[in-house]
């Protein structure tokens, strides 16, 4: 997860080292490729710095990473519909609304996935 000092957040998945993925985000910002990710798009207009990067879960299997990414986006409210969200979508692998009430409950009660 990447957080900006303006309190916006981004959740992404990668099989790369986090440091490598962050370097890729930084390169898209330097190259002004704003549509590559929510991080680069946000950097176009926000003058604050990204100040926090963390690994939420290490998962070797691609399908499991994609599902986890979608659930984390929904749990952490980082989708485009959310005030503090930088993600460009809700995640690709969880499209049902089934999870939303449970994730909302977990978020409101400070429980974690």
PDB file of N, CA and C in Angstrom:
ATOM      1  N   UNK A   1       0.852  -1.165   0.000  1.00  0.00           N
ATOM      2  CA  UNK A   1       0.000   0.000   0.000  1.00  0.00           C
ATOM      3  C   UNK A   1       0.900   1.231   0.000  1.00  0.00           C
ATOM      4  N   UNK A   2       0.503   2.224  -0.763  1.00  0.00           N
ATOM      5  CA  UNK A   2       1.226   3.494  -0.837  1.00  0.00           C
ATOM      6  C   UNK A   2       0.303   4.563  -0.280  1.00  0.00           C
ATOM      7  N   UNK A   3       0.838   5.407   0.582  1.00  0.00           N
ATOM      8  CA  UNK A   3       0.059   6.511   1.142  1.00  0.00           C
ATOM      9  C   UNK A   3       0.728   7.836   0.812  1.00  0.00           C
ATOM     10  N   UNK A   4      -0.096   8.822   0.538  1.00  0.00           N
ATOM     11  CA  UNK A   4       0.376  10.177   0.268  1.00  0.00           C
ATOM     12  C   UNK A   4       0.161  11.014   1.530  1.00  0.00           C
ATOM     13  N   UNK A   5       0.947  12.047   1.695  1.00  0.00           N
ATOM     14  CA  UNK A   5       0.785  12.934   2.856  1.00  0.00           C
ATOM     15  C   UNK A   5      -0.577  13.610   2.866  1.00  0.00           C
ATOM     16  N   UNK A   6      -1.255  13.668   1.726  1.00  0.00           N
ATOM     17  CA  UNK A   6      -2.588  14.274   1.661  1.00  0.00           C
ATOM     18  C   UNK A   6      -3.675  13.293   2.117  1.00  0.00           C
ATOM     19  N   UNK A   7      -3.263  12.138   2.621  1.00  0.00           N
ATOM     20  CA  UNK A   7      -4.137  11.109   3.180  1.00  0.00           C
ATOM     21  C   UNK A   7      -4.814  10.216   2.142  1.00  0.00           C
ATOM     22  N   UNK A   8      -4.406  10.294   0.909  1.00  0.00           N
ATOM     23  CA  UNK A   8      -4.931   9.370  -0.101  1.00  0.00           C
ATOM     24  C   UNK A   8      -4.065   8.126  -0.123  1.00  0.00           C
ATOM     25  N   UNK A   9      -4.698   6.981  -0.493  1.00  0.00           N
ATOM     26  CA  UNK A   9      -4.013   5.695  -0.453  1.00  0.00           C
ATOM     27  C   UNK A   9      -4.228   4.897  -1.744  1.00  0.00           C
ATOM     28  N   UNK A  10      -3.256   4.038  -2.005  1.00  0.00           N
ATOM     29  CA  UNK A  10      -3.287   3.166  -3.182  1.00  0.00           C
ATOM     30  C   UNK A  10      -2.925   1.752  -2.758  1.00  0.00           C
ATOM     31  N   UNK A  11      -3.685   0.781  -3.214  1.00  0.00           N
ATOM     32  CA  UNK A  11      -3.382  -0.635  -2.980  1.00  0.00           C
ATOM     33  C   UNK A  11      -3.109  -1.267  -4.336  1.00  0.00           C
ATOM     34  N   UNK A  12      -2.005  -1.979  -4.432  1.00  0.00           N
ATOM     35  CA  UNK A  12      -1.667  -2.657  -5.672  1.00  0.00           C
ATOM     36  C   UNK A  12      -1.101  -4.029  -5.396  1.00  0.00           C
ATOM     37  N   UNK A  13      -1.034  -4.840  -6.431  1.00  0.00           N
ATOM     38  CA  UNK A  13      -0.431  -6.156  -6.283  1.00  0.00           C
ATOM     39  C   UNK A  13       0.717  -6.263  -7.271  1.00  0.00           C
ATOM     40  N   UNK A  14       1.730  -7.001  -6.880  1.00  0.00           N
ATOM     41  CA  UNK A  14       2.864  -7.238  -7.756  1.00  0.00           C
ATOM     42  C   UNK A  14       3.602  -8.481  -7.307  1.00  0.00           C
ATOM     43  N   UNK A  15       4.232  -9.158  -8.252  1.00  0.00           N
ATOM     44  CA  UNK A  15       5.099 -10.270  -7.872  1.00  0.00           C
ATOM     45  C   UNK A  15       6.534  -9.775  -7.708  1.00  0.00           C
ATOM     46  N   UNK A  16       6.764  -8.505  -8.037  1.00  0.00           N
ATOM     47  CA  UNK A  16       8.089  -7.904  -7.908  1.00  0.00           C
ATOM     48  C   UNK A  16       8.377  -7.520  -6.464  1.00  0.00           C
ATOM     49  N   UNK A  17       9.629  -7.207  -6.186  1.00  0.00           N
ATOM     50  CA  UNK A  17       9.958  -6.613  -4.893  1.00  0.00           C
ATOM     51  C   UNK A  17       9.251  -5.270  -4.810  1.00  0.00           C
ATOM     52  N   UNK A  18       8.825  -4.895  -3.630  1.00  0.00           N
ATOM     53  CA  UNK A  18       8.121  -3.625  -3.460  1.00  0.00           C
ATOM     54  C   UNK A  18       9.003  -2.467  -3.919  1.00  0.00           C
ATOM     55  N   UNK A  19      10.278  -2.509  -3.601  1.00  0.00           N
ATOM     56  CA  UNK A  19      11.179  -1.419  -4.002  1.00  0.00           C
ATOM     57  C   UNK A  19      11.240  -1.285  -5.523  1.00  0.00           C
ATOM     58  N   UNK A  20      11.213  -2.405  -6.242  1.00  0.00           N
ATOM     59  CA  UNK A  20      11.212  -2.372  -7.706  1.00  0.00           C
ATOM     60  C   UNK A  20       9.926  -1.758  -8.219  1.00  0.00           C
ATOM     61  N   UNK A  21       8.801  -2.147  -7.631  1.00  0.00           N
ATOM     62  CA  UNK A  21       7.509  -1.600  -8.073  1.00  0.00           C
ATOM     63  C   UNK A  21       7.426  -0.112  -7.802  1.00  0.00           C
ATOM     64  N   UNK A  22       7.955   0.340  -6.663  1.00  0.00           N
ATOM     65  CA  UNK A  22       7.957   1.773  -6.356  1.00  0.00           C
ATOM     66  C   UNK A  22       8.818   2.522  -7.366  1.00  0.00           C
ATOM     67  N   UNK A  23       9.949   1.955  -7.741  1.00  0.00           N
ATOM     68  CA  UNK A  23      10.795   2.581  -8.761  1.00  0.00           C
ATOM     69  C   UNK A  23      10.040   2.722 -10.078  1.00  0.00           C
ATOM     70  N   UNK A  24       9.228   1.724 -10.413  1.00  0.00           N
ATOM     71  CA  UNK A  24       8.413   1.817 -11.628  1.00  0.00           C
ATOM     72  C   UNK A  24       7.404   2.955 -11.523  1.00  0.00           C
ATOM     73  N   UNK A  25       6.758   3.082 -10.360  1.00  0.00           N
ATOM     74  CA  UNK A  25       5.823   4.204 -10.165  1.00  0.00           C
ATOM     75  C   UNK A  25       6.572   5.529 -10.315  1.00  0.00           C
ATOM     76  N   UNK A  26       7.737   5.630  -9.705  1.00  0.00           N
ATOM     77  CA  UNK A  26       8.523   6.864  -9.784  1.00  0.00           C
ATOM     78  C   UNK A  26       8.902   7.185 -11.221  1.00  0.00           C
ATOM     79  N   UNK A  27       9.239   6.158 -12.004  1.00  0.00           N
ATOM     80  CA  UNK A  27       9.587   6.368 -13.415  1.00  0.00           C
ATOM     81  C   UNK A  27       8.384   6.869 -14.209  1.00  0.00           C
ATOM     82  N   UNK A  28       7.206   6.303 -13.966  1.00  0.00           N
ATOM     83  CA  UNK A  28       6.024   6.788 -14.696  1.00  0.00           C
ATOM     84  C   UNK A  28       5.733   8.244 -14.344  1.00  0.00           C
ATOM     85  N   UNK A  29       6.030   8.634 -13.122  1.00  0.00           N
ATOM     86  CA  UNK A  29       5.836  10.037 -12.718  1.00  0.00           C
ATOM     87  C   UNK A  29       6.854  10.921 -13.437  1.00  0.00           C
ATOM     88  N   UNK A  30       8.125  10.518 -13.422  1.00  0.00           N
ATOM     89  CA  UNK A  30       9.169  11.299 -14.115  1.00  0.00           C
ATOM     90  C   UNK A  30       8.866  11.425 -15.604  1.00  0.00           C
ATOM     91  N   UNK A  31       8.377  10.337 -16.206  1.00  0.00           N
ATOM     92  CA  UNK A  31       8.081  10.319 -17.641  1.00  0.00           C
ATOM     93  C   UNK A  31       6.716  10.918 -17.962  1.00  0.00           C
ATOM     94  N   UNK A  32       6.012  11.379 -16.933  1.00  0.00           N
ATOM     95  CA  UNK A  32       4.680  11.980 -17.071  1.00  0.00           C
ATOM     96  C   UNK A  32       3.694  11.054 -17.778  1.00  0.00           C
ATOM     97  N   UNK A  33       3.742   9.782 -17.429  1.00  0.00           N
ATOM     98  CA  UNK A  33       2.782   8.798 -17.941  1.00  0.00           C
ATOM     99  C   UNK A  33       1.685   8.662 -16.901  1.00  0.00           C
ATOM    100  N   UNK A  34       0.804   9.613 -16.886  1.00  0.00           N
ATOM    101  CA  UNK A  34      -0.181   9.761 -15.814  1.00  0.00           C
ATOM    102  C   UNK A  34      -1.226   8.656 -15.757  1.00  0.00           C
ATOM    103  N   UNK A  35      -1.510   8.028 -16.885  1.00  0.00           N
ATOM    104  CA  UNK A  35      -2.587   7.031 -16.918  1.00  0.00           C
ATOM    105  C   UNK A  35      -2.124   5.606 -16.601  1.00  0.00           C
ATOM    106  N   UNK A  36      -0.853   5.429 -16.265  1.00  0.00           N
ATOM    107  CA  UNK A  36      -0.324   4.090 -15.994  1.00  0.00           C
ATOM    108  C   UNK A  36      -0.860   3.530 -14.681  1.00  0.00           C
ATOM    109  N   UNK A  37      -0.959   4.364 -13.654  1.00  0.00           N
ATOM    110  CA  UNK A  37      -1.466   3.882 -12.361  1.00  0.00           C
ATOM    111  C   UNK A  37      -2.104   5.029 -11.590  1.00  0.00           C
ATOM    112  N   UNK A  38      -2.822   4.662 -10.547  1.00  0.00           N
ATOM    113  CA  UNK A  38      -3.421   5.671  -9.679  1.00  0.00           C
ATOM    114  C   UNK A  38      -2.377   6.517  -8.987  1.00  0.00           C
ATOM    115  N   UNK A  39      -1.214   5.939  -8.711  1.00  0.00           N
ATOM    116  CA  UNK A  39      -0.134   6.681  -8.063  1.00  0.00           C
ATOM    117  C   UNK A  39       0.372   7.786  -8.985  1.00  0.00           C
ATOM    118  N   UNK A  40       0.677   7.447 -10.226  1.00  0.00           N
ATOM    119  CA  UNK A  40       1.190   8.465 -11.149  1.00  0.00           C
ATOM    120  C   UNK A  40       0.121   9.505 -11.476  1.00  0.00           C
ATOM    121  N   UNK A  41      -1.128   9.087 -11.634  1.00  0.00           N
ATOM    122  CA  UNK A  41      -2.201  10.036 -11.914  1.00  0.00           C
ATOM    123  C   UNK A  41      -2.346  11.043 -10.765  1.00  0.00           C
ATOM    124  N   UNK A  42      -2.257  10.563  -9.544  1.00  0.00           N
ATOM    125  CA  UNK A  42      -2.363  11.444  -8.369  1.00  0.00           C
ATOM    126  C   UNK A  42      -1.194  12.414  -8.315  1.00  0.00           C
ATOM    127  N   UNK A  43       0.003  11.933  -8.644  1.00  0.00           N
ATOM    128  CA  UNK A  43       1.201  12.781  -8.593  1.00  0.00           C
ATOM    129  C   UNK A  43       1.115  13.948  -9.568  1.00  0.00           C
ATOM    130  N   UNK A  44       0.304  13.814 -10.595  1.00  0.00           N
ATOM    131  CA  UNK A  44       0.144  14.891 -11.585  1.00  0.00           C
ATOM    132  C   UNK A  44      -0.434  16.145 -10.949  1.00  0.00           C
ATOM    133  N   UNK A  45      -1.339  15.977  -9.997  1.00  0.00           N
ATOM    134  CA  UNK A  45      -2.026  17.134  -9.429  1.00  0.00           C
ATOM    135  C   UNK A  45      -1.682  17.423  -7.969  1.00  0.00           C
ATOM    136  N   UNK A  46      -1.173  16.445  -7.257  1.00  0.00           N
ATOM    137  CA  UNK A  46      -0.885  16.635  -5.836  1.00  0.00           C
ATOM    138  C   UNK A  46       0.579  17.017  -5.642  1.00  0.00           C
ATOM    139  N   UNK A  47       0.819  18.036  -4.883  1.00  0.00           N
ATOM    140  CA  UNK A  47       2.185  18.494  -4.634  1.00  0.00           C
ATOM    141  C   UNK A  47       2.795  17.863  -3.385  1.00  0.00           C
ATOM    142  N   UNK A  48       2.019  17.045  -2.684  1.00  0.00           N
ATOM    143  CA  UNK A  48       2.527  16.352  -1.504  1.00  0.00           C
ATOM    144  C   UNK A  48       3.395  15.172  -1.950  1.00  0.00           C
ATOM    145  N   UNK A  49       4.077  14.572  -1.005  1.00  0.00           N
ATOM    146  CA  UNK A  49       4.918  13.425  -1.309  1.00  0.00           C
ATOM    147  C   UNK A  49       4.266  12.145  -0.804  1.00  0.00           C
ATOM    148  N   UNK A  50       4.588  11.056  -1.479  1.00  0.00           N
ATOM    149  CA  UNK A  50       4.172   9.754  -0.978  1.00  0.00           C
ATOM    150  C   UNK A  50       5.090   9.438   0.194  1.00  0.00           C
ATOM    151  N   UNK A  51       4.507   9.146   1.329  1.00  0.00           N
ATOM    152  CA  UNK A  51       5.334   9.044   2.526  1.00  0.00           C
ATOM    153  C   UNK A  51       5.339   7.690   3.194  1.00  0.00           C
ATOM    154  N   UNK A  52       4.594   6.736   2.675  1.00  0.00           N
ATOM    155  CA  UNK A  52       4.528   5.458   3.372  1.00  0.00           C
ATOM    156  C   UNK A  52       4.240   4.353   2.381  1.00  0.00           C
ATOM    157  N   UNK A  53       5.049   3.331   2.409  1.00  0.00           N
ATOM    158  CA  UNK A  53       4.852   2.159   1.571  1.00  0.00           C
ATOM    159  C   UNK A  53       4.927   0.941   2.477  1.00  0.00           C
ATOM    160  N   UNK A  54       3.979   0.050   2.335  1.00  0.00           N
ATOM    161  CA  UNK A  54       4.012  -1.159   3.154  1.00  0.00           C
ATOM    162  C   UNK A  54       3.534  -2.360   2.353  1.00  0.00           C
ATOM    163  N   UNK A  55       4.018  -3.511   2.746  1.00  0.00           N
ATOM    164  CA  UNK A  55       3.568  -4.774   2.178  1.00  0.00           C
ATOM    165  C   UNK A  55       2.435  -5.278   3.055  1.00  0.00           C
ATOM    166  N   UNK A  56       1.294  -5.508   2.458  1.00  0.00           N
ATOM    167  CA  UNK A  56       0.143  -5.979   3.221  1.00  0.00           C
ATOM    168  C   UNK A  56       0.147  -7.490   3.362  1.00  0.00           C
ATOM    169  N   UNK A  57       0.574  -8.196   2.321  1.00  0.00           N
ATOM    170  CA  UNK A  57       0.563  -9.663   2.345  1.00  0.00           C
ATOM    171  C   UNK A  57       1.431 -10.167   1.218  1.00  0.00           C
ATOM    172  N   UNK A  58       2.257 -11.145   1.496  1.00  0.00           N
ATOM    173  CA  UNK A  58       3.033 -11.795   0.445  1.00  0.00           C
ATOM    174  C   UNK A  58       2.257 -13.023  -0.012  1.00  0.00           C
ATOM    175  N   UNK A  59       1.998 -13.076  -1.296  1.00  0.00           N
ATOM    176  CA  UNK A  59       1.223 -14.176  -1.866  1.00  0.00           C
ATOM    177  C   UNK A  59       1.875 -14.574  -3.181  1.00  0.00           C
ATOM    178  N   UNK A  60       2.276 -15.825  -3.321  1.00  0.00           N
ATOM    179  CA  UNK A  60       2.992 -16.290  -4.506  1.00  0.00           C
ATOM    180  C   UNK A  60       2.091 -16.541  -5.709  1.00  0.00           C
ATOM    181  N   UNK A  61       0.864 -16.951  -5.487  1.00  0.00           N
ATOM    182  CA  UNK A  61      -0.029 -17.318  -6.587  1.00  0.00           C
ATOM    183  C   UNK A  61      -0.763 -16.086  -7.129  1.00  0.00           C
ATOM    184  N   UNK A  62      -0.717 -15.937  -8.446  1.00  0.00           N
ATOM    185  CA  UNK A  62      -1.290 -14.752  -9.099  1.00  0.00           C
ATOM    186  C   UNK A  62      -2.775 -14.578  -8.784  1.00  0.00           C
ATOM    187  N   UNK A  63      -3.559 -15.646  -8.925  1.00  0.00           N
ATOM    188  CA  UNK A  63      -4.996 -15.537  -8.666  1.00  0.00           C
ATOM    189  C   UNK A  63      -5.253 -15.061  -7.241  1.00  0.00           C
ATOM    190  N   UNK A  64      -4.554 -15.646  -6.282  1.00  0.00           N
ATOM    191  CA  UNK A  64      -4.727 -15.258  -4.881  1.00  0.00           C
ATOM    192  C   UNK A  64      -4.306 -13.812  -4.642  1.00  0.00           C
ATOM    193  N   UNK A  65      -3.230 -13.355  -5.329  1.00  0.00           N
ATOM    194  CA  UNK A  65      -2.802 -11.949  -5.215  1.00  0.00           C
ATOM    195  C   UNK A  65      -3.884 -11.015  -5.735  1.00  0.00           C
ATOM    196  N   UNK A  66      -4.477 -11.373  -6.869  1.00  0.00           N
ATOM    197  CA  UNK A  66      -5.511 -10.521  -7.481  1.00  0.00           C
ATOM    198  C   UNK A  66      -6.756 -10.439  -6.604  1.00  0.00           C
ATOM    199  N   UNK A  67      -7.166 -11.572  -6.037  1.00  0.00           N
ATOM    200  CA  UNK A  67      -8.326 -11.575  -5.138  1.00  0.00           C
ATOM    201  C   UNK A  67      -8.017 -10.739  -3.910  1.00  0.00           C
ATOM    202  N   UNK A  68      -6.840 -10.948  -3.339  1.00  0.00           N
ATOM    203  CA  UNK A  68      -6.453 -10.185  -2.136  1.00  0.00           C
ATOM    204  C   UNK A  68      -6.404  -8.700  -2.444  1.00  0.00           C
ATOM    205  N   UNK A  69      -5.864  -8.325  -3.613  1.00  0.00           N
ATOM    206  CA  UNK A  69      -5.811  -6.916  -3.996  1.00  0.00           C
ATOM    207  C   UNK A  69      -7.214  -6.314  -4.026  1.00  0.00           C
ATOM    208  N   UNK A  70      -8.145  -6.998  -4.673  1.00  0.00           N
ATOM    209  CA  UNK A  70      -9.516  -6.482  -4.769  1.00  0.00           C
ATOM    210  C   UNK A  70     -10.147  -6.330  -3.392  1.00  0.00           C
ATOM    211  N   UNK A  71      -9.954  -7.325  -2.527  1.00  0.00           N
ATOM    212  CA  UNK A  71     -10.516  -7.235  -1.179  1.00  0.00           C
ATOM    213  C   UNK A  71      -9.865  -6.115  -0.374  1.00  0.00           C
ATOM    214  N   UNK A  72      -8.566  -5.928  -0.521  1.00  0.00           N
ATOM    215  CA  UNK A  72      -7.867  -4.839   0.187  1.00  0.00           C
ATOM    216  C   UNK A  72      -8.327  -3.475  -0.316  1.00  0.00           C
ATOM    217  N   UNK A  73      -8.527  -3.338  -1.619  1.00  0.00           N
ATOM    218  CA  UNK A  73      -9.027  -2.078  -2.177  1.00  0.00           C
ATOM    219  C   UNK A  73     -10.384  -1.749  -1.569  1.00  0.00           C
ATOM    220  N   UNK A  74     -11.244  -2.748  -1.502  1.00  0.00           N
ATOM    221  CA  UNK A  74     -12.573  -2.528  -0.939  1.00  0.00           C
ATOM    222  C   UNK A  74     -12.512  -2.304   0.574  1.00  0.00           C
ATOM    223  N   UNK A  75     -11.699  -3.090   1.277  1.00  0.00           N
ATOM    224  CA  UNK A  75     -11.588  -2.953   2.732  1.00  0.00           C
ATOM    225  C   UNK A  75     -10.994  -1.605   3.121  1.00  0.00           C
ATOM    226  N   UNK A  76      -9.967  -1.181   2.429  1.00  0.00           N
ATOM    227  CA  UNK A  76      -9.273   0.063   2.768  1.00  0.00           C
ATOM    228  C   UNK A  76      -9.863   1.289   2.072  1.00  0.00           C
ATOM    229  N   UNK A  77     -10.932   1.077   1.332  1.00  0.00           N
ATOM    230  CA  UNK A  77     -11.666   2.163   0.666  1.00  0.00           C
ATOM    231  C   UNK A  77     -10.740   3.018  -0.205  1.00  0.00           C
ATOM    232  N   UNK A  78     -10.004   2.351  -1.101  1.00  0.00           N
ATOM    233  CA  UNK A  78      -9.094   3.076  -1.983  1.00  0.00           C
ATOM    234  C   UNK A  78      -9.570   3.089  -3.436  1.00  0.00           C
ATOM    235  N   UNK A  79     -10.831   2.736  -3.658  1.00  0.00           N
ATOM    236  CA  UNK A  79     -11.362   2.740  -5.022  1.00  0.00           C
ATOM    237  C   UNK A  79     -11.637   4.184  -5.454  1.00  0.00           C
ATOM    238  N   UNK A  80     -11.907   4.402  -6.734  1.00  0.00           N
ATOM    239  CA  UNK A  80     -12.159   5.760  -7.225  1.00  0.00           C
ATOM    240  C   UNK A  80     -13.383   6.422  -6.580  1.00  0.00           C
ATOM    241  N   UNK A  81     -14.303   5.623  -6.069  1.00  0.00           N
ATOM    242  CA  UNK A  81     -15.511   6.179  -5.449  1.00  0.00           C
ATOM    243  C   UNK A  81     -15.266   6.718  -4.044  1.00  0.00           C
ATOM    244  N   UNK A  82     -14.143   6.362  -3.463  1.00  0.00           N
ATOM    245  CA  UNK A  82     -13.860   6.754  -2.091  1.00  0.00           C
ATOM    246  C   UNK A  82     -13.021   8.013  -2.027  1.00  0.00           C
ATOM    247  N   UNK A  83     -13.281   8.817  -1.034  1.00  0.00           N
ATOM    248  CA  UNK A  83     -12.616  10.111  -0.866  1.00  0.00           C
ATOM    249  C   UNK A  83     -11.090  10.003  -0.827  1.00  0.00           C
ATOM    250  N   UNK A  84     -10.579   8.977  -0.191  1.00  0.00           N
ATOM    251  CA  UNK A  84      -9.132   8.854  -0.036  1.00  0.00           C
ATOM    252  C   UNK A  84      -8.514   7.819  -0.976  1.00  0.00           C
ATOM    253  N   UNK A  85      -9.265   7.398  -1.979  1.00  0.00           N
ATOM    254  CA  UNK A  85      -8.793   6.337  -2.858  1.00  0.00           C
ATOM    255  C   UNK A  85      -8.038   6.821  -4.071  1.00  0.00           C
ATOM    256  N   UNK A  86      -6.943   6.125  -4.384  1.00  0.00           N
ATOM    257  CA  UNK A  86      -6.155   6.407  -5.581  1.00  0.00           C
ATOM    258  C   UNK A  86      -6.247   5.305  -6.622  1.00  0.00           C
ATOM    259  N   UNK A  87      -6.824   4.166  -6.254  1.00  0.00           N
ATOM    260  CA  UNK A  87      -6.944   3.087  -7.224  1.00  0.00           C
ATOM    261  C   UNK A  87      -7.882   3.500  -8.351  1.00  0.00           C
ATOM    262  N   UNK A  88      -7.609   2.986  -9.525  1.00  0.00           N
ATOM    263  CA  UNK A  88      -8.414   3.325 -10.688  1.00  0.00           C
ATOM    264  C   UNK A  88      -9.622   2.414 -10.857  1.00  0.00           C
ATOM    265  N   UNK A  89      -9.689   1.350 -10.052  1.00  0.00           N
ATOM    266  CA  UNK A  89     -10.831   0.437 -10.097  1.00  0.00           C
ATOM    267  C   UNK A  89     -10.988  -0.239  -8.740  1.00  0.00           C
ATOM    268  N   UNK A  90     -11.943  -1.158  -8.656  1.00  0.00           N
ATOM    269  CA  UNK A  90     -12.203  -1.883  -7.405  1.00  0.00           C
ATOM    270  C   UNK A  90     -11.412  -3.181  -7.309  1.00  0.00           C
ATOM    271  N   UNK A  91     -10.533  -3.421  -8.257  1.00  0.00           N
ATOM    272  CA  UNK A  91      -9.845  -4.707  -8.333  1.00  0.00           C
ATOM    273  C   UNK A  91     -10.569  -5.569  -9.349  1.00  0.00           C
ATOM    274  N   UNK A  92      -9.840  -6.443  -9.989  1.00  0.00           N
ATOM    275  CA  UNK A  92     -10.399  -7.188 -11.111  1.00  0.00           C
ATOM    276  C   UNK A  92     -11.088  -8.493 -10.727  1.00  0.00           C
ATOM    277  N   UNK A  93     -10.763  -9.078  -9.622  1.00  0.00           N
ATOM    278  CA  UNK A  93     -11.198 -10.439  -9.357  1.00  0.00           C
ATOM    279  C   UNK A  93     -12.346 -10.570  -8.363  1.00  0.00           C
ATOM    280  N   UNK A  94     -12.781  -9.500  -7.771  1.00  0.00           N
ATOM    281  CA  UNK A  94     -13.923  -9.556  -6.859  1.00  0.00           C
ATOM    282  C   UNK A  94     -14.894  -8.469  -7.318  1.00  0.00           C
ATOM    283  N   UNK A  95     -15.894  -8.878  -8.069  1.00  0.00           N
ATOM    284  CA  UNK A  95     -16.821  -7.901  -8.627  1.00  0.00           C
ATOM    285  C   UNK A  95     -18.196  -7.933  -7.966  1.00  0.00           C
ATOM    286  N   UNK A  96     -18.424  -8.898  -7.125  1.00  0.00           N
ATOM    287  CA  UNK A  96     -19.713  -9.011  -6.452  1.00  0.00           C
ATOM    288  C   UNK A  96     -19.785  -8.062  -5.255  1.00  0.00           C
ATOM    289  N   UNK A  97     -20.962  -7.628  -4.924  1.00  0.00           N
ATOM    290  CA  UNK A  97     -21.161  -6.754  -3.758  1.00  0.00           C
ATOM    291  C   UNK A  97     -21.257  -7.554  -2.460  1.00  0.00           C
ATOM    292  N   UNK A  98     -21.153  -8.854  -2.544  1.00  0.00           N
ATOM    293  CA  UNK A  98     -21.273  -9.736  -1.385  1.00  0.00           C
ATOM    294  C   UNK A  98     -20.360  -9.328  -0.232  1.00  0.00           C
ATOM    295  N   UNK A  99     -19.123  -8.957  -0.547  1.00  0.00           N
ATOM    296  CA  UNK A  99     -18.119  -8.658   0.474  1.00  0.00           C
ATOM    297  C   UNK A  99     -18.306  -7.295   1.126  1.00  0.00           C
ATOM    298  N   UNK A 100     -18.958  -6.376   0.468  1.00  0.00           N
ATOM    299  CA  UNK A 100     -19.000  -4.985   0.944  1.00  0.00           C
ATOM    300  C   UNK A 100     -19.540  -4.815   2.368  1.00  0.00           C
ATOM    301  N   UNK A 101     -20.658  -5.434   2.752  1.00  0.00           N
ATOM    302  CA  UNK A 101     -21.126  -5.270   4.131  1.00  0.00           C
ATOM    303  C   UNK A 101     -20.129  -5.799   5.171  1.00  0.00           C
ATOM    304  N   UNK A 102     -19.534  -6.957   4.872  1.00  0.00           N
ATOM    305  CA  UNK A 102     -18.574  -7.508   5.822  1.00  0.00           C
ATOM    306  C   UNK A 102     -17.324  -6.633   5.916  1.00  0.00           C
ATOM    307  N   UNK A 103     -16.809  -6.166   4.800  1.00  0.00           N
ATOM    308  CA  UNK A 103     -15.619  -5.318   4.812  1.00  0.00           C
ATOM    309  C   UNK A 103     -15.904  -3.989   5.498  1.00  0.00           C
ATOM    310  N   UNK A 104     -17.083  -3.463   5.296  1.00  0.00           N
ATOM    311  CA  UNK A 104     -17.479  -2.237   5.985  1.00  0.00           C
ATOM    312  C   UNK A 104     -17.507  -2.457   7.492  1.00  0.00           C
ATOM    313  N   UNK A 105     -18.062  -3.574   7.923  1.00  0.00           N
ATOM    314  CA  UNK A 105     -18.100  -3.906   9.343  1.00  0.00           C
ATOM    315  C   UNK A 105     -16.684  -4.022   9.907  1.00  0.00           C
ATOM    316  N   UNK A 106     -15.808  -4.728   9.208  1.00  0.00           N
ATOM    317  CA  UNK A 106     -14.424  -4.879   9.660  1.00  0.00           C
ATOM    318  C   UNK A 106     -13.717  -3.529   9.756  1.00  0.00           C
ATOM    319  N   UNK A 107     -13.934  -2.684   8.758  1.00  0.00           N
ATOM    320  CA  UNK A 107     -13.303  -1.359   8.732  1.00  0.00           C
ATOM    321  C   UNK A 107     -13.796  -0.512   9.903  1.00  0.00           C
ATOM    322  N   UNK A 108     -15.091  -0.498  10.132  1.00  0.00           N
ATOM    323  CA  UNK A 108     -15.678   0.321  11.194  1.00  0.00           C
ATOM    324  C   UNK A 108     -15.274  -0.163  12.581  1.00  0.00           C
ATOM    325  N   UNK A 109     -14.986  -1.437  12.719  1.00  0.00           N
ATOM    326  CA  UNK A 109     -14.609  -1.997  14.014  1.00  0.00           C
ATOM    327  C   UNK A 109     -13.098  -2.218  14.137  1.00  0.00           C
ATOM    328  N   UNK A 110     -12.334  -1.585  13.253  1.00  0.00           N
ATOM    329  CA  UNK A 110     -10.869  -1.624  13.266  1.00  0.00           C
ATOM    330  C   UNK A 110     -10.308  -3.035  13.266  1.00  0.00           C
ATOM    331  N   UNK A 111     -10.965  -3.925  12.582  1.00  0.00           N
ATOM    332  CA  UNK A 111     -10.456  -5.281  12.424  1.00  0.00           C
ATOM    333  C   UNK A 111      -9.687  -5.357  11.110  1.00  0.00           C
ATOM    334  N   UNK A 112      -8.794  -6.296  10.981  1.00  0.00           N
ATOM    335  CA  UNK A 112      -7.962  -6.386   9.789  1.00  0.00           C
ATOM    336  C   UNK A 112      -8.181  -7.703   9.074  1.00  0.00           C
ATOM    337  N   UNK A 113      -7.906  -7.680   7.775  1.00  0.00           N
ATOM    338  CA  UNK A 113      -8.000  -8.892   6.960  1.00  0.00           C
ATOM    339  C   UNK A 113      -6.868  -9.829   7.322  1.00  0.00           C
TER     340      UNK A 113
END
